[in-house]
Amino acid sequence: MQRGKAVRILINLFVIAAATISMIPFVLMFFMATQDNQMIFAGDIFRIGKALRNNFQTILDADYFRSLLNSLVVALSSTFLTVFFGAMAGFGFAKYEFKHKKMLLQLVILTMMVPMEVGLVAYVWEMRVLHLSKTFLPLILPNIANAFGVFWMTQYIGDAFPYELMESSWLDGCTDMGIFLKMVLPIVKPALFTLSIIAFLQSWNSYLLPMIMINDPKMFTIPLVIASIGNMFVADYGARILAVVVGILPIMIIFMIFSKQITEGLASGAVKG
């Protein structure tokens, strides 16, 4: 009895220590967002500086909040496409039998092992031929075929939605699309929610593809604006860190509000998978 209590105390202490260590970078960012380059390079990073107003004006001059809106448009669009088409493809792989089904699913999984950079040159050329390079579409379209989304939803739907329920729905005259929209999606909400968070973060933090595809400063996303703050000789690190802080605040708020649902989705997906 005493041994079990001691183990629980040690585990709790370890978790508290790990959480504290994990929070240190975020605390440092909040301090450094108020400082200028001189104070940062002096190493006096655990003190509130006096450059917050100047740093805020710098990110305003960089049209930061337009980039925030741009990132929001791209991330929400990408998230919707990833979740909807991932769930639809996952439903097909999990509940229908068709020729070469196993091989096709293996090919989908195989694409997760291929780095995006391998096909980047061809993709950029394709977008320019289609005259889409001056729009947000090149940042959004790849999410129609998100391999992780397909794999995740295939694993979840395969166990969460019984085939007998499909058969009874067919007997009642329900179409396949009706089954998908009215029955499958409500049942797999935890998996959809978790996939939404993952897809949103992936798009929100994307840097390489926007850097290559976007040339108009008015279309910059948050990572591009953060990289551009300063001049060609000196980076304004205080303003950059403030931009990072503002950029991660929406993500932190979303996570704090929906942490329970995210954890449930990950846990149930692991058990069902």
C-alpha atoms as a PDB file:
ATOM      1  CA  MET A   1       0.000   0.000   0.000  1.00  0.00           C
ATOM      2  CA  GLN A   2       2.738   2.439   1.021  1.00  0.00           C
ATOM      3  CA  ARG A   3       4.848   1.367  -1.950  1.00  0.00           C
ATOM      4  CA  GLY A   4       2.019   2.070  -4.388  1.00  0.00           C
ATOM      5  CA  LYS A   5       1.470   5.499  -2.875  1.00  0.00           C
ATOM      6  CA  ALA A   6       5.187   6.291  -3.144  1.00  0.00           C
ATOM      7  CA  VAL A   7       5.203   5.253  -6.810  1.00  0.00           C
ATOM      8  CA  ARG A   8       2.228   7.526  -7.543  1.00  0.00           C
ATOM      9  CA  ILE A   9       3.963  10.448  -5.813  1.00  0.00           C
ATOM     10  CA  LEU A  10       7.131   9.864  -7.852  1.00  0.00           C
ATOM     11  CA  ILE A  11       5.126   9.693 -11.073  1.00  0.00           C
ATOM     12  CA  ASN A  12       3.305  12.926 -10.219  1.00  0.00           C
ATOM     13  CA  LEU A  13       6.588  14.658  -9.386  1.00  0.00           C
ATOM     14  CA  PHE A  14       8.083  13.479 -12.674  1.00  0.00           C
ATOM     15  CA  VAL A  15       5.071  14.739 -14.642  1.00  0.00           C
ATOM     16  CA  ILE A  16       5.202  18.121 -12.867  1.00  0.00           C
ATOM     17  CA  ALA A  17       8.938  18.414 -13.557  1.00  0.00           C
ATOM     18  CA  ALA A  18       8.486  17.475 -17.224  1.00  0.00           C
ATOM     19  CA  ALA A  19       5.631  19.979 -17.620  1.00  0.00           C
ATOM     20  CA  THR A  20       7.706  22.715 -15.973  1.00  0.00           C
ATOM     21  CA  ILE A  21      10.676  22.058 -18.260  1.00  0.00           C
ATOM     22  CA  SER A  22       8.356  22.043 -21.289  1.00  0.00           C
ATOM     23  CA  MET A  23       6.987  25.456 -20.317  1.00  0.00           C
ATOM     24  CA  ILE A  24      10.407  27.130 -20.045  1.00  0.00           C
ATOM     25  CA  PRO A  25      10.722  27.927 -23.801  1.00  0.00           C
ATOM     26  CA  PHE A  26       7.275  29.549 -23.792  1.00  0.00           C
ATOM     27  CA  VAL A  27       8.092  31.639 -20.713  1.00  0.00           C
ATOM     28  CA  LEU A  28      11.355  32.727 -22.341  1.00  0.00           C
ATOM     29  CA  MET A  29       9.487  33.768 -25.479  1.00  0.00           C
ATOM     30  CA  PHE A  30       7.142  36.013 -23.507  1.00  0.00           C
ATOM     31  CA  PHE A  31      10.118  37.721 -21.843  1.00  0.00           C
ATOM     32  CA  MET A  32      12.135  38.053 -25.059  1.00  0.00           C
ATOM     33  CA  ALA A  33       9.160  39.493 -26.932  1.00  0.00           C
ATOM     34  CA  THR A  34       9.563  42.620 -24.789  1.00  0.00           C
ATOM     35  CA  GLN A  35      13.298  42.982 -25.465  1.00  0.00           C
ATOM     36  CA  ASP A  36      15.496  44.381 -28.232  1.00  0.00           C
ATOM     37  CA  ASN A  37      18.501  42.708 -29.879  1.00  0.00           C
ATOM     38  CA  GLN A  38      20.996  44.256 -27.478  1.00  0.00           C
ATOM     39  CA  MET A  39      19.226  42.926 -24.406  1.00  0.00           C
ATOM     40  CA  ILE A  40      18.719  39.487 -25.961  1.00  0.00           C
ATOM     41  CA  PHE A  41      22.373  39.138 -26.964  1.00  0.00           C
ATOM     42  CA  ALA A  42      23.449  40.286 -23.496  1.00  0.00           C
ATOM     43  CA  GLY A  43      21.786  37.139 -22.146  1.00  0.00           C
ATOM     44  CA  ASP A  44      19.460  38.989 -19.799  1.00  0.00           C
ATOM     45  CA  ILE A  45      16.476  37.008 -21.019  1.00  0.00           C
ATOM     46  CA  PHE A  46      14.598  36.525 -17.731  1.00  0.00           C
ATOM     47  CA  ARG A  47      13.752  40.213 -17.411  1.00  0.00           C
ATOM     48  CA  ILE A  48      10.937  42.230 -18.964  1.00  0.00           C
ATOM     49  CA  GLY A  49      12.331  44.722 -21.460  1.00  0.00           C
ATOM     50  CA  LYS A  50      11.070  48.067 -22.708  1.00  0.00           C
ATOM     51  CA  ALA A  51      10.888  47.297 -26.432  1.00  0.00           C
ATOM     52  CA  LEU A  52       7.418  45.742 -26.535  1.00  0.00           C
ATOM     53  CA  ARG A  53       5.823  48.797 -28.181  1.00  0.00           C
ATOM     54  CA  ASN A  54       8.598  49.039 -30.783  1.00  0.00           C
ATOM     55  CA  ASN A  55       8.413  45.308 -31.489  1.00  0.00           C
ATOM     56  CA  PHE A  56       4.652  45.502 -31.882  1.00  0.00           C
ATOM     57  CA  GLN A  57       4.995  48.432 -34.283  1.00  0.00           C
ATOM     58  CA  THR A  58       7.543  46.441 -36.279  1.00  0.00           C
ATOM     59  CA  ILE A  59       5.193  43.528 -36.813  1.00  0.00           C
ATOM     60  CA  LEU A  60       2.399  45.964 -37.690  1.00  0.00           C
ATOM     61  CA  ASP A  61       4.650  47.536 -40.328  1.00  0.00           C
ATOM     62  CA  ALA A  62       5.287  44.042 -41.707  1.00  0.00           C
ATOM     63  CA  ASP A  63       1.505  43.647 -42.240  1.00  0.00           C
ATOM     64  CA  TYR A  64       1.504  40.818 -39.731  1.00  0.00           C
ATOM     65  CA  PHE A  65      -2.236  40.662 -39.136  1.00  0.00           C
ATOM     66  CA  ARG A  66      -2.929  40.319 -42.849  1.00  0.00           C
ATOM     67  CA  SER A  67      -0.610  37.304 -42.804  1.00  0.00           C
ATOM     68  CA  LEU A  68      -2.536  36.005 -39.782  1.00  0.00           C
ATOM     69  CA  LEU A  69      -5.728  36.135 -41.843  1.00  0.00           C
ATOM     70  CA  ASN A  70      -3.964  34.514 -44.811  1.00  0.00           C
ATOM     71  CA  SER A  71      -2.726  31.672 -42.610  1.00  0.00           C
ATOM     72  CA  LEU A  72      -6.205  31.235 -41.170  1.00  0.00           C
ATOM     73  CA  VAL A  73      -7.777  30.954 -44.642  1.00  0.00           C
ATOM     74  CA  VAL A  74      -5.163  28.451 -45.820  1.00  0.00           C
ATOM     75  CA  ALA A  75      -5.202  26.394 -42.608  1.00  0.00           C
ATOM     76  CA  LEU A  76      -9.002  26.155 -42.358  1.00  0.00           C
ATOM     77  CA  SER A  77      -9.356  25.242 -46.039  1.00  0.00           C
ATOM     78  CA  SER A  78      -6.590  22.650 -45.777  1.00  0.00           C
ATOM     79  CA  THR A  79      -8.112  21.206 -42.613  1.00  0.00           C
ATOM     80  CA  PHE A  80     -11.542  20.824 -44.199  1.00  0.00           C
ATOM     81  CA  LEU A  81     -10.133  19.062 -47.265  1.00  0.00           C
ATOM     82  CA  THR A  82      -7.911  16.778 -45.194  1.00  0.00           C
ATOM     83  CA  VAL A  83     -10.717  15.755 -42.855  1.00  0.00           C
ATOM     84  CA  PHE A  84     -13.518  15.388 -45.413  1.00  0.00           C
ATOM     85  CA  PHE A  85     -11.623  13.515 -48.114  1.00  0.00           C
ATOM     86  CA  GLY A  86      -9.586  11.564 -45.549  1.00  0.00           C
ATOM     87  CA  ALA A  87     -12.801  10.375 -43.896  1.00  0.00           C
ATOM     88  CA  MET A  88     -14.384   9.570 -47.253  1.00  0.00           C
ATOM     89  CA  ALA A  89     -11.377   7.573 -48.462  1.00  0.00           C
ATOM     90  CA  GLY A  90     -11.043   5.907 -45.063  1.00  0.00           C
ATOM     91  CA  PHE A  91     -14.696   4.870 -45.226  1.00  0.00           C
ATOM     92  CA  GLY A  92     -14.115   3.342 -48.658  1.00  0.00           C
ATOM     93  CA  PHE A  93     -11.017   1.418 -47.620  1.00  0.00           C
ATOM     94  CA  ALA A  94     -12.529   0.246 -44.330  1.00  0.00           C
ATOM     95  CA  LYS A  95     -15.990  -0.887 -45.442  1.00  0.00           C
ATOM     96  CA  TYR A  96     -15.936  -1.686 -49.162  1.00  0.00           C
ATOM     97  CA  GLU A  97     -14.351  -4.532 -51.077  1.00  0.00           C
ATOM     98  CA  PHE A  98     -12.831  -3.766 -54.481  1.00  0.00           C
ATOM     99  CA  LYS A  99     -10.017  -4.990 -56.673  1.00  0.00           C
ATOM    100  CA  HIS A 100      -6.463  -4.292 -55.447  1.00  0.00           C
ATOM    101  CA  LYS A 101      -7.810  -2.689 -52.264  1.00  0.00           C
ATOM    102  CA  LYS A 102      -4.936  -3.934 -50.088  1.00  0.00           C
ATOM    103  CA  MET A 103      -2.302  -2.850 -52.606  1.00  0.00           C
ATOM    104  CA  LEU A 104      -3.810   0.635 -52.948  1.00  0.00           C
ATOM    105  CA  LEU A 105      -3.890   1.110 -49.184  1.00  0.00           C
ATOM    106  CA  GLN A 106      -0.258   0.032 -48.988  1.00  0.00           C
ATOM    107  CA  LEU A 107       0.595   2.583 -51.680  1.00  0.00           C
ATOM    108  CA  VAL A 108      -1.141   5.291 -49.648  1.00  0.00           C
ATOM    109  CA  ILE A 109       0.917   4.339 -46.598  1.00  0.00           C
ATOM    110  CA  LEU A 110       4.069   4.211 -48.735  1.00  0.00           C
ATOM    111  CA  THR A 111       3.601   7.830 -49.817  1.00  0.00           C
ATOM    112  CA  MET A 112       4.005   8.890 -46.164  1.00  0.00           C
ATOM    113  CA  MET A 113       7.597   7.664 -46.376  1.00  0.00           C
ATOM    114  CA  VAL A 114       8.408   9.844 -49.397  1.00  0.00           C
ATOM    115  CA  PRO A 115       9.570  13.379 -48.481  1.00  0.00           C
ATOM    116  CA  MET A 116       7.554  16.222 -49.965  1.00  0.00           C
ATOM    117  CA  GLU A 117      10.754  17.708 -51.405  1.00  0.00           C
ATOM    118  CA  VAL A 118      11.054  14.788 -53.861  1.00  0.00           C
ATOM    119  CA  GLY A 119       8.137  16.022 -55.967  1.00  0.00           C
ATOM    120  CA  LEU A 120       8.406  19.714 -55.178  1.00  0.00           C
ATOM    121  CA  VAL A 121       9.960  20.835 -58.482  1.00  0.00           C
ATOM    122  CA  ALA A 122       7.313  19.030 -60.526  1.00  0.00           C
ATOM    123  CA  TYR A 123       4.542  20.408 -58.316  1.00  0.00           C
ATOM    124  CA  VAL A 124       5.749  23.999 -58.666  1.00  0.00           C
ATOM    125  CA  TRP A 125       5.957  23.578 -62.447  1.00  0.00           C
ATOM    126  CA  GLU A 126       2.434  22.104 -62.513  1.00  0.00           C
ATOM    127  CA  MET A 127       0.979  25.009 -60.532  1.00  0.00           C
ATOM    128  CA  ARG A 128       2.617  27.538 -62.846  1.00  0.00           C
ATOM    129  CA  VAL A 129       1.350  25.765 -65.959  1.00  0.00           C
ATOM    130  CA  LEU A 130      -2.164  25.867 -64.478  1.00  0.00           C
ATOM    131  CA  HIS A 131      -1.693  29.597 -63.638  1.00  0.00           C
ATOM    132  CA  LEU A 132      -2.396  28.954 -59.962  1.00  0.00           C
ATOM    133  CA  SER A 133       0.927  30.166 -58.581  1.00  0.00           C
ATOM    134  CA  LYS A 134      -0.495  33.586 -57.666  1.00  0.00           C
ATOM    135  CA  THR A 135      -3.259  32.125 -55.508  1.00  0.00           C
ATOM    136  CA  PHE A 136      -3.496  30.210 -52.237  1.00  0.00           C
ATOM    137  CA  LEU A 137      -4.581  27.039 -54.053  1.00  0.00           C
ATOM    138  CA  PRO A 138      -1.053  25.545 -54.301  1.00  0.00           C
ATOM    139  CA  LEU A 139      -0.934  25.585 -50.497  1.00  0.00           C
ATOM    140  CA  ILE A 140      -4.380  24.019 -50.139  1.00  0.00           C
ATOM    141  CA  LEU A 141      -4.775  21.452 -52.936  1.00  0.00           C
ATOM    142  CA  PRO A 142      -2.232  18.857 -51.682  1.00  0.00           C
ATOM    143  CA  ASN A 143      -4.458  18.266 -48.658  1.00  0.00           C
ATOM    144  CA  ILE A 144      -7.120  16.643 -50.834  1.00  0.00           C
ATOM    145  CA  ALA A 145      -4.900  13.547 -50.797  1.00  0.00           C
ATOM    146  CA  ASN A 146      -3.414  13.564 -47.307  1.00  0.00           C
ATOM    147  CA  ALA A 147      -2.015  10.069 -46.784  1.00  0.00           C
ATOM    148  CA  PHE A 148      -1.980  10.282 -42.998  1.00  0.00           C
ATOM    149  CA  GLY A 149      -5.617  11.402 -42.956  1.00  0.00           C
ATOM    150  CA  VAL A 150      -6.643   8.441 -45.116  1.00  0.00           C
ATOM    151  CA  PHE A 151      -4.687   5.963 -42.993  1.00  0.00           C
ATOM    152  CA  TRP A 152      -5.941   7.425 -39.697  1.00  0.00           C
ATOM    153  CA  MET A 153      -9.599   7.345 -40.721  1.00  0.00           C
ATOM    154  CA  THR A 154      -9.309   3.869 -42.281  1.00  0.00           C
ATOM    155  CA  GLN A 155      -8.041   2.480 -38.984  1.00  0.00           C
ATOM    156  CA  TYR A 156     -10.691   4.258 -36.934  1.00  0.00           C
ATOM    157  CA  ILE A 157     -13.743   3.646 -39.129  1.00  0.00           C
ATOM    158  CA  GLY A 158     -12.788  -0.018 -39.570  1.00  0.00           C
ATOM    159  CA  ASP A 159     -13.492  -0.675 -35.886  1.00  0.00           C
ATOM    160  CA  ALA A 160     -15.882   2.104 -34.900  1.00  0.00           C
ATOM    161  CA  PHE A 161     -18.534   1.579 -37.575  1.00  0.00           C
ATOM    162  CA  PRO A 162     -19.948  -1.986 -37.890  1.00  0.00           C
ATOM    163  CA  TYR A 163     -20.743  -3.353 -41.342  1.00  0.00           C
ATOM    164  CA  GLU A 164     -24.114  -4.628 -40.083  1.00  0.00           C
ATOM    165  CA  LEU A 165     -25.191  -1.030 -39.586  1.00  0.00           C
ATOM    166  CA  MET A 166     -24.457  -0.345 -43.245  1.00  0.00           C
ATOM    167  CA  GLU A 167     -26.517  -3.329 -44.347  1.00  0.00           C
ATOM    168  CA  SER A 168     -29.516  -2.265 -42.275  1.00  0.00           C
ATOM    169  CA  SER A 169     -29.213   1.261 -43.690  1.00  0.00           C
ATOM    170  CA  TRP A 170     -29.220  -0.085 -47.248  1.00  0.00           C
ATOM    171  CA  LEU A 171     -32.361  -2.064 -46.467  1.00  0.00           C
ATOM    172  CA  ASP A 172     -33.981   1.161 -45.261  1.00  0.00           C
ATOM    173  CA  GLY A 173     -33.146   2.808 -48.595  1.00  0.00           C
ATOM    174  CA  CYS A 174     -30.243   4.982 -47.443  1.00  0.00           C
ATOM    175  CA  THR A 175     -27.601   5.796 -50.061  1.00  0.00           C
ATOM    176  CA  ASP A 176     -23.879   5.331 -49.513  1.00  0.00           C
ATOM    177  CA  MET A 177     -23.369   9.089 -49.282  1.00  0.00           C
ATOM    178  CA  GLY A 178     -26.236   9.314 -46.816  1.00  0.00           C
ATOM    179  CA  ILE A 179     -24.632   6.629 -44.653  1.00  0.00           C
ATOM    180  CA  PHE A 180     -21.337   8.500 -44.763  1.00  0.00           C
ATOM    181  CA  LEU A 181     -22.758  11.920 -43.906  1.00  0.00           C
ATOM    182  CA  LYS A 182     -25.496  10.962 -41.446  1.00  0.00           C
ATOM    183  CA  MET A 183     -24.005   7.947 -39.680  1.00  0.00           C
ATOM    184  CA  VAL A 184     -20.266   7.560 -40.174  1.00  0.00           C
ATOM    185  CA  LEU A 185     -19.209  11.159 -39.510  1.00  0.00           C
ATOM    186  CA  PRO A 186     -21.150  11.505 -36.220  1.00  0.00           C
ATOM    187  CA  ILE A 187     -19.774   8.185 -34.941  1.00  0.00           C
ATOM    188  CA  VAL A 188     -16.134   9.029 -35.690  1.00  0.00           C
ATOM    189  CA  LYS A 189     -16.193  12.583 -34.279  1.00  0.00           C
ATOM    190  CA  PRO A 190     -13.236  12.002 -31.901  1.00  0.00           C
ATOM    191  CA  ALA A 191     -11.019  10.901 -34.794  1.00  0.00           C
ATOM    192  CA  LEU A 192     -12.224  13.786 -36.960  1.00  0.00           C
ATOM    193  CA  PHE A 193     -11.449  16.270 -34.203  1.00  0.00           C
ATOM    194  CA  THR A 194      -7.936  14.923 -33.646  1.00  0.00           C
ATOM    195  CA  LEU A 195      -7.213  14.862 -37.377  1.00  0.00           C
ATOM    196  CA  SER A 196      -8.494  18.441 -37.649  1.00  0.00           C
ATOM    197  CA  ILE A 197      -6.013  19.650 -35.025  1.00  0.00           C
ATOM    198  CA  ILE A 198      -3.106  17.809 -36.669  1.00  0.00           C
ATOM    199  CA  ALA A 199      -4.002  19.092 -40.152  1.00  0.00           C
ATOM    200  CA  PHE A 200      -4.503  22.652 -38.904  1.00  0.00           C
ATOM    201  CA  LEU A 201      -1.129  22.712 -37.150  1.00  0.00           C
ATOM    202  CA  GLN A 202       0.622  21.217 -40.168  1.00  0.00           C
ATOM    203  CA  SER A 203      -0.756  23.919 -42.450  1.00  0.00           C
ATOM    204  CA  TRP A 204      -0.350  26.741 -39.915  1.00  0.00           C
ATOM    205  CA  ASN A 205       3.353  25.963 -39.426  1.00  0.00           C
ATOM    206  CA  SER A 206       4.175  25.219 -43.076  1.00  0.00           C
ATOM    207  CA  TYR A 207       7.140  27.235 -44.348  1.00  0.00           C
ATOM    208  CA  LEU A 208       8.825  25.536 -47.323  1.00  0.00           C
ATOM    209  CA  LEU A 209       5.866  25.382 -49.723  1.00  0.00           C
ATOM    210  CA  PRO A 210       4.666  28.967 -49.062  1.00  0.00           C
ATOM    211  CA  MET A 211       8.252  30.211 -49.401  1.00  0.00           C
ATOM    212  CA  ILE A 212       8.516  28.685 -52.880  1.00  0.00           C
ATOM    213  CA  MET A 213       5.000  29.378 -54.145  1.00  0.00           C
ATOM    214  CA  ILE A 214       4.176  32.812 -52.682  1.00  0.00           C
ATOM    215  CA  ASN A 215       5.979  35.892 -54.020  1.00  0.00           C
ATOM    216  CA  ASP A 216       3.449  38.622 -53.227  1.00  0.00           C
ATOM    217  CA  PRO A 217       4.041  40.071 -49.706  1.00  0.00           C
ATOM    218  CA  LYS A 218       0.285  40.629 -49.376  1.00  0.00           C
ATOM    219  CA  MET A 219      -0.191  36.849 -49.583  1.00  0.00           C
ATOM    220  CA  PHE A 220       2.479  35.938 -47.035  1.00  0.00           C
ATOM    221  CA  THR A 221       1.538  33.484 -44.312  1.00  0.00           C
ATOM    222  CA  ILE A 222       2.774  33.827 -40.721  1.00  0.00           C
ATOM    223  CA  PRO A 223       6.051  31.861 -41.145  1.00  0.00           C
ATOM    224  CA  LEU A 224       7.015  33.988 -44.162  1.00  0.00           C
ATOM    225  CA  VAL A 225       6.334  37.268 -42.377  1.00  0.00           C
ATOM    226  CA  ILE A 226       8.290  36.136 -39.309  1.00  0.00           C
ATOM    227  CA  ALA A 227      11.268  35.276 -41.520  1.00  0.00           C
ATOM    228  CA  SER A 228      11.056  38.660 -43.266  1.00  0.00           C
ATOM    229  CA  ILE A 229      11.048  40.844 -40.129  1.00  0.00           C
ATOM    230  CA  GLY A 230      14.225  42.893 -39.936  1.00  0.00           C
ATOM    231  CA  ASN A 231      16.488  43.905 -42.814  1.00  0.00           C
ATOM    232  CA  MET A 232      18.982  42.180 -45.077  1.00  0.00           C
ATOM    233  CA  PHE A 233      21.812  42.696 -42.587  1.00  0.00           C
ATOM    234  CA  VAL A 234      20.256  42.361 -39.121  1.00  0.00           C
ATOM    235  CA  ALA A 235      17.272  40.325 -37.948  1.00  0.00           C
ATOM    236  CA  ASP A 236      15.016  41.966 -35.374  1.00  0.00           C
ATOM    237  CA  TYR A 237      14.811  39.042 -32.977  1.00  0.00           C
ATOM    238  CA  GLY A 238      12.603  40.745 -30.412  1.00  0.00           C
ATOM    239  CA  ALA A 239       9.970  41.534 -33.039  1.00  0.00           C
ATOM    240  CA  ARG A 240      10.290  38.058 -34.530  1.00  0.00           C
ATOM    241  CA  ILE A 241       9.726  36.434 -31.163  1.00  0.00           C
ATOM    242  CA  LEU A 242       6.727  38.682 -30.526  1.00  0.00           C
ATOM    243  CA  ALA A 243       5.338  37.584 -33.902  1.00  0.00           C
ATOM    244  CA  VAL A 244       5.847  33.954 -32.880  1.00  0.00           C
ATOM    245  CA  VAL A 245       4.067  34.568 -29.564  1.00  0.00           C
ATOM    246  CA  VAL A 246       1.074  36.152 -31.303  1.00  0.00           C
ATOM    247  CA  GLY A 247       1.073  33.302 -33.831  1.00  0.00           C
ATOM    248  CA  ILE A 248       0.998  30.529 -31.246  1.00  0.00           C
ATOM    249  CA  LEU A 249      -1.592  32.134 -28.967  1.00  0.00           C
ATOM    250  CA  PRO A 250      -4.580  30.903 -31.052  1.00  0.00           C
ATOM    251  CA  ILE A 251      -3.112  27.387 -31.065  1.00  0.00           C
ATOM    252  CA  MET A 252      -2.536  27.409 -27.307  1.00  0.00           C
ATOM    253  CA  ILE A 253      -6.064  28.676 -26.645  1.00  0.00           C
ATOM    254  CA  ILE A 254      -7.585  26.008 -28.907  1.00  0.00           C
ATOM    255  CA  PHE A 255      -5.545  23.291 -27.219  1.00  0.00           C
ATOM    256  CA  MET A 256      -6.463  24.432 -23.706  1.00  0.00           C
ATOM    257  CA  ILE A 257     -10.174  24.517 -24.582  1.00  0.00           C
ATOM    258  CA  PHE A 258     -10.287  21.215 -26.466  1.00  0.00           C
ATOM    259  CA  SER A 259      -7.457  19.268 -24.796  1.00  0.00           C
ATOM    260  CA  LYS A 260      -9.900  16.677 -23.455  1.00  0.00           C
ATOM    261  CA  GLN A 261     -11.334  15.940 -26.914  1.00  0.00           C
ATOM    262  CA  ILE A 262      -7.863  15.800 -28.466  1.00  0.00           C
ATOM    263  CA  THR A 263      -6.668  13.332 -25.834  1.00  0.00           C
ATOM    264  CA  GLU A 264      -9.789  11.183 -26.206  1.00  0.00           C
ATOM    265  CA  GLY A 265      -9.388  11.093 -29.983  1.00  0.00           C
ATOM    266  CA  LEU A 266      -5.737  10.053 -29.780  1.00  0.00           C
ATOM    267  CA  ALA A 267      -6.392   7.454 -27.087  1.00  0.00           C
ATOM    268  CA  SER A 268      -9.408   5.901 -28.810  1.00  0.00           C
ATOM    269  CA  GLY A 269      -7.581   5.902 -32.140  1.00  0.00           C
ATOM    270  CA  ALA A 270      -4.640   4.075 -30.576  1.00  0.00           C
ATOM    271  CA  VAL A 271      -6.908   1.465 -28.996  1.00  0.00           C
ATOM    272  CA  LYS A 272      -8.985   0.916 -32.124  1.00  0.00           C
ATOM    273  CA  GLY A 273      -5.920   0.914 -34.403  1.00  0.00           C
END
